[in-house]
Amino acid sequence: MLGWCEDDLTFFTDSTIKTPEETYKFVSSYVHGLTRANMDKLLSLYPVSDFVAYTTSALSSEFFRSARIFRDILMTCPPMWYGKQMAKAGKDVYLFDWNQTILEPIIEQQTEKRGWGSVHTSEFAYIFGNLSHYDVNGNPFHPTPADYALTIRGSRSLSTFAATGRPGLDGHDTFRGFKPAYATTTKGRDDVYVFVAGGPSEGLSAIDGQHSTELVRAQKLRERCAFINSPEIVEQLRY
């Protein structure tokens, strides 16, 4: 089982980014091995029109663009590549996109900004069943019934996977419909499925096509990760 958080690296992205030039500077400082042509190609896969600013917190569209590029390079495309290789070797591979958090109010208090989303390690509070561990040091702590319910599903799904190799069991309070990520259609095209954990869109989704949800389809994982995981880019990223 491999996965990422929906907004994995927003907290680790320069929140003052507002212009295309600042996006270029931020991304290129992390992937400095990429050629100029490949940097331009990478940025072209993430048009700023795909991202919405959180204006009340002065988090710009370019900020969210930078954070998504950063996320895909570090957190999303590598597990998709590794998972595909495991699937080719005959293993069942499960991918998840974690889309719920209790961390955002804590980060808001620290930064005086809103809109961070489901940041890195958001899943920990749920899969380890330890929401109460975040009720410390005066942090805002207001879990909802949905948070407590996800704690049950999340922790039981991970323990079920550890015990059986599958993240769900019929008749148990685990994630429903969480199926292997990789399948080949009758037309020979690889379909890739991701389970969205938590949030209003929980469930299995293809990354594109008729079986995809808007949340997953909007991430354009097929074309973006095809580029990031290509041999030329992997070499320049110096894996």
Protein backbone atom coordinates (compact mmCIF):
# COMPACT_ATOMS: atom_id res chain seq x y z
CA MET A 1 0.00 0.00 0.00
CA LEU A 2 1.35 3.37 -1.06
CA GLY A 3 -0.09 6.84 -0.96
CA TRP A 4 0.10 10.55 -0.37
CA CYS A 5 -1.92 13.36 1.16
CA GLU A 6 -4.03 15.58 -1.06
CA ASP A 7 -2.12 18.72 -0.06
CA ASP A 8 1.01 16.95 1.13
CA LEU A 9 3.57 19.74 0.79
CA THR A 10 1.66 23.01 1.08
CA PHE A 11 3.14 23.58 4.53
CA PHE A 12 6.65 23.07 3.11
CA THR A 13 6.19 25.44 0.19
CA ASP A 14 7.09 29.13 0.34
CA SER A 15 3.75 30.74 1.13
CA THR A 16 4.85 34.11 -0.29
CA ILE A 17 4.97 32.79 -3.88
CA LYS A 18 2.76 34.91 -6.12
CA THR A 19 4.31 35.07 -9.60
CA PRO A 20 5.37 32.58 -12.31
CA GLU A 21 8.95 33.70 -11.78
CA GLU A 22 8.75 32.82 -8.09
CA THR A 23 7.27 29.43 -8.95
CA TYR A 24 10.13 28.79 -11.34
CA LYS A 25 12.70 29.81 -8.73
CA PHE A 26 11.15 27.64 -6.03
CA VAL A 27 10.75 24.50 -8.15
CA SER A 28 14.12 24.80 -9.88
CA SER A 29 15.88 25.19 -6.52
CA TYR A 30 14.61 21.73 -5.59
CA VAL A 31 15.11 19.99 -8.96
CA HIS A 32 18.20 21.87 -10.02
CA GLY A 33 19.36 18.95 -12.18
CA LEU A 34 16.61 19.49 -14.74
CA THR A 35 17.53 21.16 -18.01
CA ARG A 36 15.84 24.44 -18.86
CA ALA A 37 13.78 22.69 -21.54
CA ASN A 38 12.54 20.08 -19.08
CA MET A 39 11.79 22.71 -16.45
CA ASP A 40 9.68 24.54 -19.00
CA LYS A 41 7.92 21.31 -19.94
CA LEU A 42 7.28 20.47 -16.28
CA LEU A 43 5.76 23.87 -15.58
CA SER A 44 3.62 23.68 -18.71
CA LEU A 45 1.93 20.56 -17.30
CA TYR A 46 0.68 22.65 -14.38
CA PRO A 47 -1.06 25.73 -15.82
CA VAL A 48 -1.87 28.24 -13.11
CA SER A 49 -5.49 28.19 -14.27
CA ASP A 50 -5.75 24.73 -12.65
CA PHE A 51 -5.27 26.24 -9.20
CA VAL A 52 -7.46 28.50 -7.09
CA ALA A 53 -6.10 31.10 -4.70
CA TYR A 54 -7.18 31.23 -1.06
CA THR A 55 -7.50 34.98 -1.07
CA THR A 56 -8.44 35.49 2.58
CA SER A 57 -5.04 34.05 3.55
CA ALA A 58 -3.06 35.57 0.69
CA LEU A 59 -2.20 32.09 -0.59
CA SER A 60 -1.97 32.60 -4.33
CA SER A 61 -2.74 30.35 -7.27
CA GLU A 62 0.99 30.25 -7.98
CA PHE A 63 1.59 29.06 -4.41
CA PHE A 64 -0.79 26.12 -4.87
CA ARG A 65 0.73 25.42 -8.28
CA SER A 66 4.21 25.25 -6.75
CA ALA A 67 3.00 23.05 -3.90
CA ARG A 68 1.35 20.59 -6.29
CA ILE A 69 4.46 20.31 -8.48
CA PHE A 70 6.54 19.78 -5.33
CA ARG A 71 4.07 17.15 -4.09
CA ASP A 72 4.00 15.22 -7.34
CA ILE A 73 7.79 15.11 -7.68
CA LEU A 74 8.41 13.97 -4.12
CA MET A 75 5.27 12.29 -2.80
CA THR A 76 2.97 11.14 -5.61
CA CYS A 77 4.72 10.12 -8.80
CA PRO A 78 7.46 7.98 -7.15
CA PRO A 79 4.94 5.66 -5.42
CA MET A 80 2.96 5.45 -8.65
CA TRP A 81 6.12 4.37 -10.49
CA TYR A 82 7.13 1.90 -7.78
CA GLY A 83 3.60 0.53 -7.53
CA LYS A 84 3.47 -0.09 -11.26
CA GLN A 85 6.71 -2.08 -11.12
CA MET A 86 5.35 -4.13 -8.23
CA ALA A 87 2.14 -4.78 -10.16
CA LYS A 88 4.16 -5.95 -13.16
CA ALA A 89 5.82 -8.45 -10.82
CA GLY A 90 2.40 -9.86 -9.97
CA LYS A 91 1.74 -8.08 -6.68
CA ASP A 92 -1.52 -6.43 -5.68
CA VAL A 93 -0.79 -2.75 -5.16
CA TYR A 94 -3.10 -0.29 -3.42
CA LEU A 95 -2.82 3.49 -3.80
CA PHE A 96 -4.50 6.07 -1.59
CA ASP A 97 -4.96 9.84 -1.59
CA TRP A 98 -5.61 11.04 1.99
CA ASN A 99 -8.14 13.85 1.98
CA GLN A 100 -9.03 14.65 5.59
CA THR A 101 -7.11 16.24 8.44
CA ILE A 102 -7.30 17.62 11.96
CA LEU A 103 -4.00 19.45 11.49
CA GLU A 104 -5.26 22.47 9.57
CA PRO A 105 -6.55 24.43 12.62
CA ILE A 106 -3.20 23.88 14.34
CA ILE A 107 -1.30 25.19 11.33
CA GLU A 108 -3.71 28.11 11.03
CA GLN A 109 -2.94 29.09 14.61
CA GLN A 110 0.80 28.91 13.97
CA THR A 111 0.80 30.75 10.64
CA GLU A 112 -2.29 32.97 10.83
CA LYS A 113 -3.19 31.67 7.38
CA ARG A 114 -5.92 29.31 6.21
CA GLY A 115 -6.23 26.97 3.26
CA TRP A 116 -3.39 24.49 3.83
CA GLY A 117 -5.56 21.42 3.27
CA SER A 118 -4.64 17.83 4.11
CA VAL A 119 -0.93 18.28 4.68
CA HIS A 120 1.89 15.79 5.18
CA THR A 121 1.21 13.21 7.93
CA SER A 122 -2.51 14.04 8.03
CA GLU A 123 -3.23 10.32 7.92
CA PHE A 124 -1.30 9.55 11.12
CA ALA A 125 -4.02 10.77 13.48
CA TYR A 126 -6.43 8.33 11.89
CA ILE A 127 -4.48 5.22 10.94
CA PHE A 128 -2.88 5.00 14.38
CA GLY A 129 -6.17 5.80 16.10
CA ASN A 130 -4.64 8.61 18.12
CA LEU A 131 -6.68 11.78 17.60
CA SER A 132 -6.26 12.64 21.27
CA HIS A 133 -2.49 12.87 20.88
CA TYR A 134 -3.02 16.19 19.09
CA ASP A 135 -4.90 17.68 22.05
CA VAL A 136 -1.73 19.14 23.58
CA ASN A 137 0.00 22.47 24.18
CA GLY A 138 -3.17 24.47 23.73
CA ASN A 139 -3.57 23.40 20.11
CA PRO A 140 -7.05 23.83 18.63
CA PHE A 141 -8.66 20.41 18.90
CA HIS A 142 -12.17 20.05 17.53
CA PRO A 143 -12.56 16.62 15.88
CA THR A 144 -15.91 16.02 14.25
CA PRO A 145 -17.96 12.82 14.14
CA ALA A 146 -16.51 12.33 10.66
CA ASP A 147 -13.00 12.42 12.13
CA TYR A 148 -13.83 9.77 14.73
CA ALA A 149 -15.50 7.61 12.09
CA LEU A 150 -12.46 7.89 9.80
CA THR A 151 -10.23 6.90 12.71
CA ILE A 152 -12.11 3.61 12.92
CA ARG A 153 -12.11 2.95 9.16
CA GLY A 154 -8.54 4.10 8.67
CA SER A 155 -6.94 2.18 11.53
CA ARG A 156 -8.89 -1.00 10.79
CA SER A 157 -8.12 -0.82 7.08
CA LEU A 158 -4.38 -0.50 7.69
CA SER A 159 -4.33 -3.29 10.27
CA THR A 160 -6.42 -5.46 7.96
CA PHE A 161 -3.93 -4.85 5.16
CA ALA A 162 -1.04 -5.76 7.46
CA ALA A 163 -2.78 -9.00 8.42
CA THR A 164 -4.29 -10.09 5.10
CA GLY A 165 -2.67 -8.09 2.30
CA ARG A 166 -6.04 -6.46 1.55
CA PRO A 167 -7.27 -3.15 3.01
CA GLY A 168 -10.85 -4.23 3.55
CA LEU A 169 -13.04 -7.12 4.63
CA ASP A 170 -16.74 -7.65 4.01
CA GLY A 171 -18.80 -7.11 7.12
CA HIS A 172 -16.11 -5.03 8.82
CA ASP A 173 -15.83 -1.27 9.27
CA THR A 174 -12.99 -0.82 6.80
CA PHE A 175 -12.66 1.20 3.59
CA ARG A 176 -15.22 0.02 1.06
CA GLY A 177 -14.35 -0.72 -2.54
CA PHE A 178 -10.60 -0.29 -2.04
CA LYS A 179 -9.35 -2.41 -4.94
CA PRO A 180 -5.89 -2.90 -6.48
CA ALA A 181 -4.59 0.12 -8.34
CA TYR A 182 -3.48 -1.41 -11.62
CA ALA A 183 -5.57 -3.18 -14.20
CA THR A 184 -5.30 -3.67 -17.96
CA THR A 185 -8.42 -3.07 -20.03
CA THR A 186 -9.51 -5.14 -22.99
CA LYS A 187 -8.12 -2.35 -25.17
CA GLY A 188 -4.67 -2.81 -23.64
CA ARG A 189 -4.70 0.52 -21.80
CA ASP A 190 -3.56 0.56 -18.20
CA ASP A 191 -6.25 1.80 -15.86
CA VAL A 192 -4.96 3.17 -12.57
CA TYR A 193 -7.17 3.48 -9.49
CA VAL A 194 -6.65 5.53 -6.35
CA PHE A 195 -8.70 5.29 -3.17
CA VAL A 196 -9.59 8.70 -1.76
CA ALA A 197 -9.58 8.33 2.03
CA GLY A 198 -11.73 10.76 3.95
CA GLY A 199 -13.45 13.93 2.89
CA PRO A 200 -16.63 14.27 0.84
CA SER A 201 -15.31 12.19 -2.08
CA GLU A 202 -14.20 9.03 -0.27
CA GLY A 203 -14.03 5.99 -2.48
CA LEU A 204 -12.21 4.39 -5.37
CA SER A 205 -11.54 6.49 -8.45
CA ALA A 206 -9.70 5.96 -11.70
CA ILE A 207 -7.09 8.64 -12.31
CA ASP A 208 -8.88 9.64 -15.52
CA GLY A 209 -11.69 8.56 -17.81
CA GLN A 210 -15.31 7.71 -17.10
CA HIS A 211 -14.61 6.01 -13.77
CA SER A 212 -12.75 8.99 -12.30
CA THR A 213 -14.03 11.55 -9.82
CA GLU A 214 -13.38 15.25 -10.29
CA LEU A 215 -11.07 15.35 -7.26
CA VAL A 216 -8.73 12.75 -8.75
CA ARG A 217 -9.20 13.61 -12.43
CA ALA A 218 -8.21 17.23 -11.77
CA GLN A 219 -4.78 16.08 -10.59
CA LYS A 220 -3.88 14.93 -14.14
CA LEU A 221 -1.74 12.17 -12.69
CA ARG A 222 -1.34 10.17 -15.89
CA GLU A 223 0.33 12.85 -17.97
CA ARG A 224 2.15 14.58 -15.13
CA CYS A 225 3.60 11.42 -13.63
CA ALA A 226 4.41 9.99 -17.06
CA PHE A 227 6.73 12.95 -17.52
CA ILE A 228 8.16 13.01 -13.98
CA ASN A 229 8.72 9.23 -14.03
CA SER A 230 10.26 9.15 -17.51
CA PRO A 231 13.85 7.82 -17.63
CA GLU A 232 15.25 11.18 -18.70
CA ILE A 233 13.64 13.06 -15.82
CA VAL A 234 14.47 10.35 -13.27
CA GLU A 235 18.10 10.66 -14.30
CA GLN A 236 18.02 14.43 -13.96
CA LEU A 237 16.26 14.19 -10.59
CA ARG A 238 19.18 11.99 -9.50
CA TYR A 239 17.12 9.33 -7.76
